[in-house]
Protein backbone atom coordinates (compact mmCIF):
# COMPACT_ATOMS: atom_id res chain seq x y z
CA MET A 1 0.21 0.26 0.19
CA THR A 2 1.03 3.42 -0.75
CA ALA A 3 1.49 6.11 1.36
CA PRO A 4 -0.70 9.00 1.85
CA LEU A 5 1.25 11.96 -0.07
CA ILE A 6 1.51 15.37 2.02
CA TRP A 7 0.77 18.63 -0.36
CA GLN A 8 2.75 21.74 1.33
CA LYS A 9 2.72 25.20 0.22
CA SER A 10 3.63 28.14 0.27
CA THR A 11 3.49 30.67 3.36
CA TYR A 12 2.83 32.99 1.00
CA SER A 13 0.18 31.35 0.17
CA GLN A 14 -3.45 33.69 0.69
CA GLU A 15 -6.15 32.20 3.01
CA GLN A 16 -8.19 31.21 -0.05
CA GLY A 17 -6.33 28.60 -0.81
CA GLU A 18 -5.27 29.48 -4.36
CA CYS A 19 -1.45 28.31 -4.44
CA VAL A 20 1.05 25.64 -5.63
CA GLU A 21 1.76 22.47 -3.51
CA LEU A 22 4.32 20.82 -3.96
CA THR A 23 5.59 17.01 -2.96
CA THR A 24 8.65 14.59 -3.59
CA SER A 25 7.81 10.86 -4.39
CA GLY A 26 10.75 8.88 -4.61
CA GLY A 27 13.09 10.56 -6.06
CA ALA A 28 10.29 12.77 -8.63
CA VAL A 29 8.84 16.56 -6.98
CA LEU A 30 5.59 17.21 -8.00
CA LEU A 31 3.43 20.03 -8.47
CA ARG A 32 -0.68 20.87 -9.06
CA GLU A 33 -3.20 24.40 -8.99
CA SER A 34 -4.66 23.56 -4.89
CA ASP A 35 -7.85 23.93 -7.89
CA ASP A 36 -7.51 21.78 -9.16
CA PRO A 37 -5.37 19.36 -8.23
CA THR A 38 -5.91 15.86 -10.61
CA VAL A 39 -4.10 17.72 -12.84
CA ILE A 40 0.12 17.40 -11.72
CA LEU A 41 3.04 18.00 -13.44
CA THR A 42 6.27 15.31 -12.91
CA THR A 43 10.16 16.80 -12.22
CA THR A 44 13.57 16.36 -11.28
CA ARG A 45 14.67 17.96 -8.49
CA LYS A 46 17.22 19.91 -10.31
CA ASP A 47 14.83 20.48 -13.21
CA LEU A 48 13.32 22.50 -10.86
CA ALA A 49 15.95 24.58 -9.42
CA ARG A 50 16.50 25.18 -13.61
CA PHE A 51 13.51 26.41 -13.85
CA LEU A 52 13.46 28.07 -10.77
CA GLN A 53 16.68 30.10 -12.03
CA VAL A 54 15.19 31.04 -15.32
CA ILE A 55 11.39 32.78 -13.32
CA LYS A 56 14.57 34.96 -11.00
CA VAL A 57 16.49 35.92 -14.32
CA GLY A 58 12.79 36.80 -15.98
CA SER A 59 12.32 38.40 -11.81
CA GLY A 60 16.01 40.05 -12.90
CA GLY A 61 17.63 37.88 -10.22
CA PRO A 62 21.01 36.37 -10.91
CA ARG A 63 21.85 35.17 -14.82
CA ALA A 64 21.33 31.25 -14.85
CA PRO A 65 23.99 29.89 -16.33
CA ARG A 66 23.89 27.95 -19.88
CA PRO A 67 23.79 24.57 -20.17
């Protein structure tokens, strides 16, 4: 039997529950939108870190190295 996933959301989320949640399972990172929890995006820690770097670059954060 598989243990239920424990989803986490940002402490910046509002009480309405409109947020992105994440959890891990077997080395994968799973992301979902709380408004539609049936849709789950699966990625790796490395790819998620790269994605977040790209977002930071777009917002004036540090530049991500090119692959």
